[in-house]
């Protein structure tokens, strides 16, 4: 049985604190079952990967536009959390059939999302690894086998961290995106042939309806 924490909206700092507390509580109390959480961000927030340098970030611009800045527990590159739904999943490694294998564990956990999206006729597949162009600071421009795509375009980017026999995986489900804002923050062109969002795939589906589907 998966414990579900319903969708709620928090600041970037609060969201990272909650994810961290879920992981720490799982370790301390030796949870045997997983936890699945949905959340949003207010105000919008840029999250940096655990080991990512923030030199490219114009902190004054973020402050002037009321965008928060946080570090994630997980690795990878920066994300803008704005018009999206974010999920986190915490479980013991042994809960998964292939928990010790990082790549296969991504596949197992992400099956939850694949199944939920299939209910509304959206077929997702795992991204194929592409050669990484290191100038890209924006995570969604890079596709790996851990990501979920729709018709070859990245829709959900995920990342993991592991600690004392437990996994935290969280990820960004793009409901919509602001191309101009992304390019302003990350100082690079956003190739819309590489990413997609729910508004493009299924424009009649509201965010509230999607949250309800993901909550089932």
N, C-alpha and C. Protein backbone atom coordinates (compact mmCIF):
# COMPACT_ATOMS: atom_id res chain seq x y z
N UNK A 1 0.84 -1.19 0.00
CA UNK A 1 0.00 0.00 0.00
C UNK A 1 0.89 1.25 0.00
N UNK A 2 0.60 2.16 -0.91
CA UNK A 2 1.35 3.42 -1.00
C UNK A 2 0.62 4.49 -0.20
N UNK A 3 1.35 5.15 0.70
CA UNK A 3 0.76 6.27 1.43
C UNK A 3 0.79 7.50 0.53
N UNK A 4 -0.34 8.19 0.43
CA UNK A 4 -0.45 9.34 -0.45
C UNK A 4 -0.58 10.63 0.35
N UNK A 5 0.23 11.62 -0.01
CA UNK A 5 0.13 12.95 0.60
C UNK A 5 -0.46 13.89 -0.45
N UNK A 6 -1.68 14.40 -0.22
CA UNK A 6 -2.39 15.18 -1.24
C UNK A 6 -1.65 16.45 -1.65
N UNK A 7 -1.98 16.90 -2.83
CA UNK A 7 -1.39 18.11 -3.41
C UNK A 7 -1.57 19.31 -2.50
N UNK A 8 -0.50 20.06 -2.34
CA UNK A 8 -0.54 21.33 -1.63
C UNK A 8 0.56 22.22 -2.20
N UNK A 9 0.44 23.50 -1.96
CA UNK A 9 1.39 24.47 -2.51
C UNK A 9 2.22 25.08 -1.38
N UNK A 10 3.54 25.09 -1.58
CA UNK A 10 4.46 25.63 -0.58
C UNK A 10 5.54 26.45 -1.28
N UNK A 11 6.33 27.15 -0.49
CA UNK A 11 7.51 27.82 -1.03
C UNK A 11 8.56 26.77 -1.39
N UNK A 12 9.56 27.19 -2.16
CA UNK A 12 10.62 26.27 -2.53
C UNK A 12 11.34 25.70 -1.32
N UNK A 13 11.64 26.56 -0.35
CA UNK A 13 12.33 26.12 0.86
C UNK A 13 11.50 25.09 1.61
N UNK A 14 10.19 25.34 1.72
CA UNK A 14 9.31 24.41 2.42
C UNK A 14 9.21 23.08 1.68
N UNK A 15 9.11 23.13 0.36
CA UNK A 15 9.01 21.88 -0.41
C UNK A 15 10.26 21.01 -0.24
N UNK A 16 11.43 21.63 -0.26
CA UNK A 16 12.65 20.85 -0.09
C UNK A 16 12.77 20.33 1.35
N UNK A 17 12.30 21.13 2.31
CA UNK A 17 12.31 20.67 3.69
C UNK A 17 11.40 19.46 3.88
N UNK A 18 10.21 19.50 3.29
CA UNK A 18 9.26 18.40 3.44
C UNK A 18 9.82 17.12 2.80
N UNK A 19 10.38 17.24 1.60
CA UNK A 19 10.98 16.07 0.95
C UNK A 19 12.10 15.49 1.80
N UNK A 20 12.93 16.37 2.35
CA UNK A 20 14.03 15.92 3.20
C UNK A 20 13.50 15.23 4.45
N UNK A 21 12.47 15.80 5.06
CA UNK A 21 11.89 15.21 6.26
C UNK A 21 11.26 13.85 5.97
N UNK A 22 10.63 13.71 4.82
CA UNK A 22 10.06 12.41 4.45
C UNK A 22 11.16 11.36 4.36
N UNK A 23 12.27 11.71 3.72
CA UNK A 23 13.38 10.77 3.60
C UNK A 23 13.97 10.45 4.97
N UNK A 24 14.20 11.46 5.79
CA UNK A 24 14.79 11.24 7.10
C UNK A 24 13.86 10.44 8.01
N UNK A 25 12.57 10.71 7.96
CA UNK A 25 11.61 9.96 8.78
C UNK A 25 11.53 8.51 8.33
N UNK A 26 11.59 8.30 7.01
CA UNK A 26 11.58 6.93 6.49
C UNK A 26 12.76 6.14 7.03
N UNK A 27 13.93 6.78 7.03
CA UNK A 27 15.15 6.12 7.54
C UNK A 27 15.04 5.86 9.04
N UNK A 28 14.65 6.89 9.78
CA UNK A 28 14.60 6.78 11.23
C UNK A 28 13.57 5.75 11.70
N UNK A 29 12.42 5.75 11.05
CA UNK A 29 11.33 4.86 11.47
C UNK A 29 11.28 3.57 10.67
N UNK A 30 12.22 3.43 9.74
CA UNK A 30 12.33 2.21 8.93
C UNK A 30 11.01 1.85 8.24
N UNK A 31 10.47 2.83 7.51
CA UNK A 31 9.23 2.58 6.78
C UNK A 31 9.42 1.45 5.78
N UNK A 32 8.44 0.57 5.71
CA UNK A 32 8.49 -0.54 4.75
C UNK A 32 7.72 -0.23 3.49
N UNK A 33 6.78 0.73 3.58
CA UNK A 33 5.95 1.09 2.44
C UNK A 33 6.35 2.47 1.90
N UNK A 34 6.07 2.73 0.63
CA UNK A 34 6.46 4.01 0.02
C UNK A 34 5.47 5.12 0.32
N UNK A 35 5.93 6.34 0.08
CA UNK A 35 5.11 7.54 0.20
C UNK A 35 5.16 8.30 -1.12
N UNK A 36 3.99 8.72 -1.59
CA UNK A 36 3.87 9.46 -2.84
C UNK A 36 3.24 10.81 -2.53
N UNK A 37 3.91 11.89 -2.89
CA UNK A 37 3.43 13.25 -2.58
C UNK A 37 3.33 14.08 -3.85
N UNK A 38 2.29 14.91 -3.92
CA UNK A 38 2.13 15.87 -5.01
C UNK A 38 2.19 17.27 -4.44
N UNK A 39 2.85 18.19 -5.16
CA UNK A 39 2.92 19.56 -4.64
C UNK A 39 3.16 20.59 -5.74
N UNK A 40 2.91 21.85 -5.35
CA UNK A 40 3.16 22.98 -6.22
C UNK A 40 4.04 23.99 -5.50
N UNK A 41 4.34 25.09 -6.18
CA UNK A 41 5.30 26.07 -5.70
C UNK A 41 4.72 27.48 -5.75
N UNK A 42 4.87 28.21 -4.67
CA UNK A 42 4.48 29.62 -4.65
C UNK A 42 5.37 30.38 -3.68
N UNK A 43 6.13 31.36 -4.17
CA UNK A 43 6.19 31.81 -5.56
C UNK A 43 6.92 30.80 -6.45
N UNK A 44 7.04 31.14 -7.75
CA UNK A 44 7.85 30.31 -8.64
C UNK A 44 9.26 30.18 -8.07
N UNK A 45 9.94 29.11 -8.43
CA UNK A 45 11.24 28.83 -7.80
C UNK A 45 12.17 28.14 -8.78
N UNK A 46 13.43 28.53 -8.75
CA UNK A 46 14.48 27.81 -9.46
C UNK A 46 15.14 26.87 -8.46
N UNK A 47 15.21 25.59 -8.80
CA UNK A 47 15.95 24.65 -7.95
C UNK A 47 17.20 24.21 -8.69
N UNK A 48 18.31 24.18 -7.96
CA UNK A 48 19.60 23.75 -8.50
C UNK A 48 19.91 22.35 -8.03
N UNK A 49 20.56 21.58 -8.88
CA UNK A 49 21.01 20.26 -8.48
C UNK A 49 21.99 20.36 -7.32
N UNK A 50 22.07 19.32 -6.54
CA UNK A 50 22.87 19.31 -5.32
C UNK A 50 24.29 19.83 -5.52
N UNK A 51 24.91 19.47 -6.62
CA UNK A 51 26.31 19.86 -6.86
C UNK A 51 26.46 20.89 -7.97
N UNK A 52 25.36 21.54 -8.35
CA UNK A 52 25.39 22.49 -9.46
C UNK A 52 25.89 23.86 -9.01
N UNK A 53 26.77 24.41 -9.80
CA UNK A 53 27.27 25.77 -9.54
C UNK A 53 26.19 26.78 -9.90
N UNK A 54 26.01 27.81 -9.06
CA UNK A 54 24.96 28.80 -9.32
C UNK A 54 25.50 30.07 -9.97
N UNK A 55 26.71 30.01 -10.52
CA UNK A 55 27.33 31.21 -11.07
C UNK A 55 26.54 31.80 -12.23
N UNK A 56 25.78 30.97 -12.96
CA UNK A 56 25.05 31.45 -14.12
C UNK A 56 23.75 32.15 -13.73
N UNK A 57 23.36 32.05 -12.47
CA UNK A 57 22.09 32.61 -12.01
C UNK A 57 22.21 34.11 -11.72
N UNK A 58 21.31 34.88 -12.29
CA UNK A 58 21.23 36.31 -11.99
C UNK A 58 20.30 36.46 -10.79
N UNK A 59 20.89 36.47 -9.60
CA UNK A 59 20.07 36.48 -8.38
C UNK A 59 19.25 37.76 -8.25
N UNK A 60 19.77 38.86 -8.76
CA UNK A 60 19.00 40.11 -8.70
C UNK A 60 17.75 40.00 -9.56
N UNK A 61 17.88 39.39 -10.74
CA UNK A 61 16.72 39.23 -11.61
C UNK A 61 15.67 38.36 -10.92
N UNK A 62 16.11 37.26 -10.28
CA UNK A 62 15.16 36.40 -9.57
C UNK A 62 14.44 37.17 -8.47
N UNK A 63 15.20 37.93 -7.73
CA UNK A 63 14.59 38.70 -6.64
C UNK A 63 13.60 39.73 -7.17
N UNK A 64 13.99 40.41 -8.26
CA UNK A 64 13.13 41.45 -8.83
C UNK A 64 11.84 40.88 -9.41
N UNK A 65 11.88 39.61 -9.83
CA UNK A 65 10.70 38.99 -10.42
C UNK A 65 10.01 38.02 -9.45
N UNK A 66 10.42 38.09 -8.17
CA UNK A 66 9.79 37.28 -7.12
C UNK A 66 9.88 35.78 -7.42
N UNK A 67 11.08 35.33 -7.77
CA UNK A 67 11.34 33.91 -8.00
C UNK A 67 12.35 33.43 -6.97
N UNK A 68 11.98 32.40 -6.22
CA UNK A 68 12.87 31.85 -5.19
C UNK A 68 14.01 31.06 -5.81
N UNK A 69 14.99 30.74 -4.99
CA UNK A 69 16.13 29.92 -5.41
C UNK A 69 16.46 28.95 -4.29
N UNK A 70 16.50 27.64 -4.62
CA UNK A 70 16.82 26.62 -3.62
C UNK A 70 17.76 25.58 -4.22
N UNK A 71 18.37 24.80 -3.34
CA UNK A 71 19.15 23.63 -3.73
C UNK A 71 18.32 22.38 -3.47
N UNK A 72 18.39 21.43 -4.39
CA UNK A 72 17.71 20.15 -4.21
C UNK A 72 18.61 19.16 -3.49
N UNK A 73 17.99 18.13 -2.92
CA UNK A 73 18.75 17.00 -2.37
C UNK A 73 19.34 16.17 -3.49
N UNK A 74 18.71 16.22 -4.64
CA UNK A 74 19.10 15.39 -5.77
C UNK A 74 20.04 16.13 -6.71
N UNK A 75 20.67 15.39 -7.59
CA UNK A 75 21.60 15.98 -8.54
C UNK A 75 20.90 16.53 -9.76
N UNK A 76 21.67 16.67 -10.83
CA UNK A 76 21.11 17.17 -12.06
C UNK A 76 21.26 18.68 -12.20
N UNK A 77 20.54 19.22 -13.16
CA UNK A 77 20.65 20.64 -13.49
C UNK A 77 19.43 21.41 -13.04
N UNK A 78 19.46 22.70 -13.28
CA UNK A 78 18.44 23.60 -12.73
C UNK A 78 17.09 23.42 -13.40
N UNK A 79 16.05 23.69 -12.61
CA UNK A 79 14.67 23.68 -13.09
C UNK A 79 13.98 24.94 -12.62
N UNK A 80 13.06 25.43 -13.45
CA UNK A 80 12.14 26.47 -13.01
C UNK A 80 10.83 25.80 -12.65
N UNK A 81 10.44 25.88 -11.39
CA UNK A 81 9.18 25.31 -10.92
C UNK A 81 8.15 26.43 -10.91
N UNK A 82 7.28 26.39 -11.91
CA UNK A 82 6.30 27.46 -12.05
C UNK A 82 4.94 26.84 -12.31
N UNK A 83 4.56 26.71 -13.57
CA UNK A 83 3.25 26.15 -13.90
C UNK A 83 3.40 24.65 -14.10
N UNK A 84 3.56 23.95 -13.00
CA UNK A 84 3.83 22.51 -13.06
C UNK A 84 3.19 21.81 -11.86
N UNK A 85 3.24 20.49 -11.90
CA UNK A 85 2.90 19.66 -10.75
C UNK A 85 4.16 18.85 -10.44
N UNK A 86 4.57 18.86 -9.20
CA UNK A 86 5.76 18.12 -8.80
C UNK A 86 5.35 16.92 -7.96
N UNK A 87 6.10 15.84 -8.11
CA UNK A 87 5.83 14.65 -7.29
C UNK A 87 7.10 14.27 -6.55
N UNK A 88 6.93 13.59 -5.43
CA UNK A 88 8.07 12.94 -4.78
C UNK A 88 7.64 11.56 -4.32
N UNK A 89 8.59 10.65 -4.31
CA UNK A 89 8.33 9.25 -3.98
C UNK A 89 9.49 8.77 -3.11
N UNK A 90 9.17 8.31 -1.91
CA UNK A 90 10.19 7.81 -0.98
C UNK A 90 9.89 6.36 -0.68
N UNK A 91 10.91 5.51 -0.77
CA UNK A 91 10.70 4.09 -0.46
C UNK A 91 12.02 3.44 -0.07
N UNK A 92 11.94 2.31 0.65
CA UNK A 92 13.17 1.54 0.88
C UNK A 92 13.63 0.90 -0.42
N UNK A 93 14.92 0.80 -0.60
CA UNK A 93 15.47 0.19 -1.82
C UNK A 93 14.88 -1.20 -2.03
N UNK A 94 14.71 -1.94 -0.95
CA UNK A 94 14.24 -3.32 -1.07
C UNK A 94 12.76 -3.41 -1.46
N UNK A 95 12.04 -2.29 -1.42
CA UNK A 95 10.64 -2.30 -1.86
C UNK A 95 10.54 -2.59 -3.36
N UNK A 96 11.56 -2.14 -4.09
CA UNK A 96 11.57 -2.30 -5.54
C UNK A 96 12.23 -3.61 -5.94
N UNK A 97 11.76 -4.15 -7.03
CA UNK A 97 12.32 -5.41 -7.52
C UNK A 97 13.78 -5.25 -7.91
N UNK A 98 14.10 -4.08 -8.49
CA UNK A 98 15.48 -3.81 -8.92
C UNK A 98 16.00 -2.54 -8.26
N UNK A 99 15.73 -2.40 -6.97
CA UNK A 99 16.06 -1.17 -6.26
C UNK A 99 17.54 -0.84 -6.24
N UNK A 100 18.40 -1.83 -6.27
CA UNK A 100 19.84 -1.58 -6.21
C UNK A 100 20.37 -0.98 -7.51
N UNK A 101 19.64 -1.18 -8.60
CA UNK A 101 20.04 -0.67 -9.90
C UNK A 101 19.36 0.68 -10.12
N UNK A 102 20.15 1.74 -10.22
CA UNK A 102 19.59 3.09 -10.30
C UNK A 102 18.68 3.23 -11.52
N UNK A 103 19.16 2.83 -12.68
CA UNK A 103 18.38 2.98 -13.91
C UNK A 103 17.07 2.21 -13.83
N UNK A 104 17.13 0.97 -13.37
CA UNK A 104 15.91 0.16 -13.29
C UNK A 104 14.95 0.66 -12.22
N UNK A 105 15.50 1.27 -11.17
CA UNK A 105 14.62 1.81 -10.12
C UNK A 105 13.84 3.01 -10.64
N UNK A 106 14.47 3.83 -11.48
CA UNK A 106 13.75 4.93 -12.12
C UNK A 106 12.56 4.39 -12.91
N UNK A 107 12.81 3.32 -13.65
CA UNK A 107 11.77 2.72 -14.47
C UNK A 107 10.61 2.23 -13.60
N UNK A 108 10.93 1.53 -12.51
CA UNK A 108 9.88 0.99 -11.64
C UNK A 108 9.03 2.10 -11.02
N UNK A 109 9.69 3.12 -10.49
CA UNK A 109 8.95 4.21 -9.84
C UNK A 109 8.14 5.00 -10.86
N UNK A 110 8.72 5.24 -12.02
CA UNK A 110 8.04 6.05 -13.03
C UNK A 110 6.85 5.34 -13.65
N UNK A 111 6.77 4.02 -13.49
CA UNK A 111 5.61 3.27 -13.98
C UNK A 111 4.32 3.79 -13.36
N UNK A 112 4.42 4.29 -12.13
CA UNK A 112 3.25 4.86 -11.46
C UNK A 112 2.69 6.00 -12.30
N UNK A 113 3.57 6.87 -12.78
CA UNK A 113 3.14 8.01 -13.59
C UNK A 113 2.64 7.56 -14.96
N UNK A 114 3.32 6.61 -15.55
CA UNK A 114 2.89 6.09 -16.86
C UNK A 114 1.48 5.54 -16.77
N UNK A 115 1.20 4.78 -15.72
CA UNK A 115 -0.13 4.19 -15.55
C UNK A 115 -1.20 5.27 -15.35
N UNK A 116 -0.88 6.28 -14.57
CA UNK A 116 -1.86 7.34 -14.31
C UNK A 116 -2.16 8.14 -15.59
N UNK A 117 -1.13 8.46 -16.36
CA UNK A 117 -1.36 9.21 -17.59
C UNK A 117 -2.08 8.38 -18.65
N UNK A 118 -1.88 7.07 -18.61
CA UNK A 118 -2.55 6.22 -19.60
C UNK A 118 -4.07 6.27 -19.44
N UNK A 119 -4.54 6.58 -18.24
CA UNK A 119 -5.99 6.65 -17.99
C UNK A 119 -6.65 7.79 -18.75
N UNK A 120 -5.86 8.79 -19.14
CA UNK A 120 -6.42 9.91 -19.91
C UNK A 120 -5.90 9.89 -21.35
N UNK A 121 -5.41 8.75 -21.76
CA UNK A 121 -5.01 8.58 -23.15
C UNK A 121 -3.68 9.20 -23.52
N UNK A 122 -2.85 9.52 -22.53
CA UNK A 122 -1.52 10.07 -22.80
C UNK A 122 -0.50 8.97 -22.58
N UNK A 123 0.11 8.53 -23.67
CA UNK A 123 1.08 7.44 -23.61
C UNK A 123 2.48 8.00 -23.46
N UNK A 124 3.12 7.68 -22.35
CA UNK A 124 4.47 8.16 -22.08
C UNK A 124 5.48 7.05 -22.28
N UNK A 125 6.67 7.44 -22.71
CA UNK A 125 7.75 6.48 -22.83
C UNK A 125 9.01 7.07 -22.21
N UNK A 126 9.95 6.21 -21.90
CA UNK A 126 11.19 6.67 -21.28
C UNK A 126 12.08 7.34 -22.32
N UNK A 127 12.74 8.40 -21.89
CA UNK A 127 13.62 9.13 -22.78
C UNK A 127 14.86 8.33 -23.10
N UNK A 128 15.37 8.54 -24.29
CA UNK A 128 16.65 7.94 -24.64
C UNK A 128 17.75 8.92 -24.30
N UNK A 129 18.87 8.41 -23.83
CA UNK A 129 19.97 9.30 -23.48
C UNK A 129 20.51 10.00 -24.73
N UNK A 130 20.64 11.31 -24.63
CA UNK A 130 21.20 12.10 -25.71
C UNK A 130 22.53 12.68 -25.26
N UNK A 131 23.37 12.96 -26.22
CA UNK A 131 24.66 13.56 -25.89
C UNK A 131 24.42 14.89 -25.18
N UNK A 132 25.03 15.03 -24.02
CA UNK A 132 24.81 16.22 -23.20
C UNK A 132 25.69 17.36 -23.70
N UNK A 133 25.04 18.48 -24.00
CA UNK A 133 25.77 19.70 -24.32
C UNK A 133 25.91 20.47 -23.02
N UNK A 134 27.13 20.56 -22.50
CA UNK A 134 27.31 21.06 -21.14
C UNK A 134 26.98 22.54 -20.97
N UNK A 135 26.71 23.25 -22.04
CA UNK A 135 26.32 24.65 -21.86
C UNK A 135 24.89 24.76 -21.33
N UNK A 136 24.11 23.68 -21.45
CA UNK A 136 22.72 23.74 -21.01
C UNK A 136 22.63 23.66 -19.50
N UNK A 137 22.13 24.72 -18.89
CA UNK A 137 21.91 24.71 -17.45
C UNK A 137 20.48 24.29 -17.11
N UNK A 138 19.57 24.33 -18.10
CA UNK A 138 18.17 24.00 -17.87
C UNK A 138 17.96 22.51 -18.06
N UNK A 139 17.51 21.85 -17.00
CA UNK A 139 17.40 20.40 -16.96
C UNK A 139 16.51 19.82 -18.06
N UNK A 140 15.41 20.50 -18.38
CA UNK A 140 14.45 19.92 -19.31
C UNK A 140 14.99 19.84 -20.74
N UNK A 141 16.10 20.50 -21.03
CA UNK A 141 16.68 20.42 -22.37
C UNK A 141 17.54 19.18 -22.55
N UNK A 142 17.73 18.42 -21.47
CA UNK A 142 18.57 17.23 -21.52
C UNK A 142 17.70 16.02 -21.21
N UNK A 143 17.69 15.04 -22.10
CA UNK A 143 16.87 13.86 -21.91
C UNK A 143 17.75 12.66 -21.54
N UNK A 144 17.31 11.93 -20.53
CA UNK A 144 18.02 10.71 -20.11
C UNK A 144 17.00 9.58 -19.98
N UNK A 145 17.49 8.41 -19.70
CA UNK A 145 16.61 7.26 -19.50
C UNK A 145 15.74 7.36 -18.27
N UNK A 146 15.99 8.38 -17.43
CA UNK A 146 15.19 8.57 -16.22
C UNK A 146 13.97 9.44 -16.49
N UNK A 147 13.89 10.04 -17.67
CA UNK A 147 12.84 11.00 -17.97
C UNK A 147 11.69 10.34 -18.72
N UNK A 148 10.52 10.98 -18.65
CA UNK A 148 9.36 10.50 -19.38
C UNK A 148 9.01 11.48 -20.48
N UNK A 149 8.77 10.93 -21.67
CA UNK A 149 8.54 11.75 -22.85
C UNK A 149 7.20 11.40 -23.50
N UNK A 150 6.69 12.37 -24.25
CA UNK A 150 5.50 12.17 -25.06
C UNK A 150 5.87 12.46 -26.50
N UNK A 151 5.76 11.44 -27.34
CA UNK A 151 6.12 11.54 -28.76
C UNK A 151 7.51 12.15 -28.93
N UNK A 152 8.43 11.68 -28.11
CA UNK A 152 9.84 12.08 -28.23
C UNK A 152 10.20 13.37 -27.55
N UNK A 153 9.21 14.06 -26.96
CA UNK A 153 9.49 15.32 -26.27
C UNK A 153 9.40 15.13 -24.77
N UNK A 154 10.31 15.73 -24.05
CA UNK A 154 10.38 15.55 -22.60
C UNK A 154 9.23 16.27 -21.90
N UNK A 155 8.50 15.53 -21.08
CA UNK A 155 7.38 16.07 -20.31
C UNK A 155 7.67 16.06 -18.81
N UNK A 156 8.34 15.01 -18.35
CA UNK A 156 8.61 14.85 -16.92
C UNK A 156 10.10 14.59 -16.71
N UNK A 157 10.75 15.46 -15.96
CA UNK A 157 12.14 15.25 -15.59
C UNK A 157 12.24 14.82 -14.14
N UNK A 158 13.00 13.77 -13.86
CA UNK A 158 13.09 13.23 -12.50
C UNK A 158 14.53 13.10 -12.05
N UNK A 159 14.71 13.07 -10.74
CA UNK A 159 16.04 12.92 -10.16
C UNK A 159 15.91 12.12 -8.86
N UNK A 160 17.00 11.48 -8.47
CA UNK A 160 17.03 10.64 -7.27
C UNK A 160 18.15 11.02 -6.34
N UNK A 161 17.96 10.71 -5.05
CA UNK A 161 19.07 10.60 -4.13
C UNK A 161 18.83 9.36 -3.28
N UNK A 162 19.90 8.81 -2.71
CA UNK A 162 19.82 7.59 -1.92
C UNK A 162 20.55 7.80 -0.61
N UNK A 163 19.96 7.26 0.45
CA UNK A 163 20.58 7.41 1.76
C UNK A 163 20.17 6.26 2.67
N UNK A 164 21.14 5.57 3.20
CA UNK A 164 20.93 4.52 4.20
C UNK A 164 19.81 3.55 3.82
N UNK A 165 19.85 3.10 2.57
CA UNK A 165 18.91 2.08 2.14
C UNK A 165 17.57 2.61 1.65
N UNK A 166 17.45 3.92 1.49
CA UNK A 166 16.19 4.52 1.02
C UNK A 166 16.43 5.39 -0.21
N UNK A 167 15.37 5.52 -1.00
CA UNK A 167 15.40 6.32 -2.23
C UNK A 167 14.41 7.47 -2.10
N UNK A 168 14.85 8.65 -2.49
CA UNK A 168 13.93 9.76 -2.74
C UNK A 168 14.02 10.07 -4.23
N UNK A 169 12.89 9.96 -4.90
CA UNK A 169 12.83 10.37 -6.31
C UNK A 169 11.77 11.45 -6.42
N UNK A 170 12.12 12.57 -7.02
CA UNK A 170 11.12 13.59 -7.27
C UNK A 170 11.28 14.11 -8.68
N UNK A 171 10.20 14.74 -9.18
CA UNK A 171 10.26 15.17 -10.56
C UNK A 171 9.23 16.23 -10.89
N UNK A 172 9.46 16.88 -12.01
CA UNK A 172 8.67 18.01 -12.49
C UNK A 172 7.82 17.58 -13.67
N UNK A 173 6.50 17.74 -13.53
CA UNK A 173 5.54 17.46 -14.59
C UNK A 173 5.09 18.80 -15.17
N UNK A 174 5.51 19.12 -16.37
CA UNK A 174 5.20 20.43 -16.94
C UNK A 174 3.72 20.51 -17.34
N UNK A 175 3.00 21.40 -16.69
CA UNK A 175 1.64 21.69 -17.14
C UNK A 175 1.70 22.74 -18.26
N UNK A 176 2.51 23.75 -18.07
CA UNK A 176 2.75 24.76 -19.08
C UNK A 176 4.13 25.37 -18.81
N UNK A 177 4.66 26.13 -19.73
CA UNK A 177 5.94 26.79 -19.49
C UNK A 177 5.98 28.12 -20.22
N UNK A 178 6.81 29.00 -19.69
CA UNK A 178 6.98 30.34 -20.24
C UNK A 178 8.34 30.39 -20.91
N UNK A 179 8.36 30.25 -22.23
CA UNK A 179 9.61 30.16 -22.99
C UNK A 179 10.51 31.38 -22.76
N UNK A 180 9.92 32.57 -22.81
CA UNK A 180 10.72 33.79 -22.65
C UNK A 180 11.35 33.88 -21.26
N UNK A 181 10.57 33.48 -20.24
CA UNK A 181 11.10 33.51 -18.88
C UNK A 181 12.23 32.50 -18.71
N UNK A 182 12.07 31.32 -19.26
CA UNK A 182 13.12 30.31 -19.19
C UNK A 182 14.41 30.81 -19.84
N UNK A 183 14.29 31.43 -21.00
CA UNK A 183 15.47 31.91 -21.71
C UNK A 183 16.13 33.06 -20.96
N UNK A 184 15.33 33.86 -20.28
CA UNK A 184 15.89 34.96 -19.49
C UNK A 184 16.67 34.43 -18.29
N UNK A 185 16.13 33.39 -17.64
CA UNK A 185 16.77 32.84 -16.44
C UNK A 185 18.02 32.04 -16.79
N UNK A 186 17.92 31.21 -17.83
CA UNK A 186 19.00 30.27 -18.12
C UNK A 186 19.95 30.75 -19.22
N UNK A 187 19.69 31.93 -19.77
CA UNK A 187 20.61 32.55 -20.73
C UNK A 187 20.93 31.65 -21.91
N UNK A 188 19.90 30.96 -22.40
CA UNK A 188 20.10 30.09 -23.55
C UNK A 188 18.75 29.88 -24.25
N UNK A 189 18.78 29.62 -25.56
CA UNK A 189 17.52 29.38 -26.26
C UNK A 189 16.86 28.09 -25.79
N UNK A 190 15.56 28.10 -25.68
CA UNK A 190 14.80 26.91 -25.31
C UNK A 190 14.24 26.29 -26.58
N UNK A 191 14.75 25.14 -26.94
CA UNK A 191 14.32 24.45 -28.15
C UNK A 191 13.01 23.72 -27.85
N UNK A 192 11.91 24.28 -28.32
CA UNK A 192 10.60 23.70 -28.01
C UNK A 192 10.36 22.37 -28.72
N UNK A 193 11.27 21.97 -29.61
CA UNK A 193 11.14 20.65 -30.23
C UNK A 193 11.62 19.55 -29.28
N UNK A 194 12.24 19.96 -28.17
CA UNK A 194 12.78 18.99 -27.21
C UNK A 194 11.87 18.78 -26.00
N UNK A 195 10.96 19.73 -25.74
CA UNK A 195 10.11 19.62 -24.55
C UNK A 195 8.65 19.82 -24.92
N UNK A 196 7.77 19.35 -24.06
CA UNK A 196 6.34 19.55 -24.25
C UNK A 196 5.70 19.76 -22.88
N UNK A 197 4.40 20.01 -22.88
CA UNK A 197 3.68 20.23 -21.63
C UNK A 197 2.24 19.76 -21.81
N UNK A 198 1.52 19.64 -20.71
CA UNK A 198 0.14 19.16 -20.76
C UNK A 198 -0.74 20.09 -21.59
N UNK A 199 -0.51 21.39 -21.50
CA UNK A 199 -1.32 22.35 -22.26
C UNK A 199 -1.19 22.12 -23.77
N UNK A 200 -0.05 21.62 -24.22
CA UNK A 200 0.14 21.33 -25.63
C UNK A 200 -0.47 19.99 -26.00
N UNK A 201 -0.34 19.02 -25.11
CA UNK A 201 -0.80 17.66 -25.39
C UNK A 201 -2.32 17.55 -25.29
N UNK A 202 -2.87 18.15 -24.24
CA UNK A 202 -4.29 18.01 -23.92
C UNK A 202 -4.82 19.34 -23.38
N UNK A 203 -5.00 20.33 -24.25
CA UNK A 203 -5.30 21.70 -23.80
C UNK A 203 -6.60 21.85 -23.01
N UNK A 204 -7.53 20.91 -23.18
CA UNK A 204 -8.79 21.02 -22.44
C UNK A 204 -8.68 20.52 -21.00
N UNK A 205 -7.58 19.87 -20.67
CA UNK A 205 -7.40 19.31 -19.33
C UNK A 205 -6.86 20.38 -18.39
N UNK A 206 -7.61 20.69 -17.34
CA UNK A 206 -7.15 21.71 -16.38
C UNK A 206 -6.13 21.10 -15.43
N UNK A 207 -5.38 21.98 -14.79
CA UNK A 207 -4.40 21.50 -13.81
C UNK A 207 -5.10 20.78 -12.67
N UNK A 208 -6.25 21.32 -12.24
CA UNK A 208 -7.00 20.70 -11.15
C UNK A 208 -7.46 19.30 -11.51
N UNK A 209 -7.88 19.11 -12.76
CA UNK A 209 -8.31 17.78 -13.21
C UNK A 209 -7.12 16.82 -13.25
N UNK A 210 -5.96 17.31 -13.68
CA UNK A 210 -4.77 16.46 -13.72
C UNK A 210 -4.35 16.07 -12.31
N UNK A 211 -4.39 17.01 -11.39
CA UNK A 211 -4.05 16.70 -10.00
C UNK A 211 -4.97 15.60 -9.45
N UNK A 212 -6.24 15.70 -9.79
CA UNK A 212 -7.20 14.69 -9.32
C UNK A 212 -6.87 13.32 -9.88
N UNK A 213 -6.50 13.26 -11.15
CA UNK A 213 -6.14 11.99 -11.79
C UNK A 213 -4.88 11.41 -11.15
N UNK A 214 -3.89 12.26 -10.91
CA UNK A 214 -2.64 11.80 -10.30
C UNK A 214 -2.85 11.39 -8.84
N UNK A 215 -3.92 11.88 -8.23
CA UNK A 215 -4.19 11.58 -6.82
C UNK A 215 -4.93 10.26 -6.63
N UNK A 216 -5.45 9.70 -7.70
CA UNK A 216 -6.26 8.48 -7.58
C UNK A 216 -5.41 7.26 -7.25
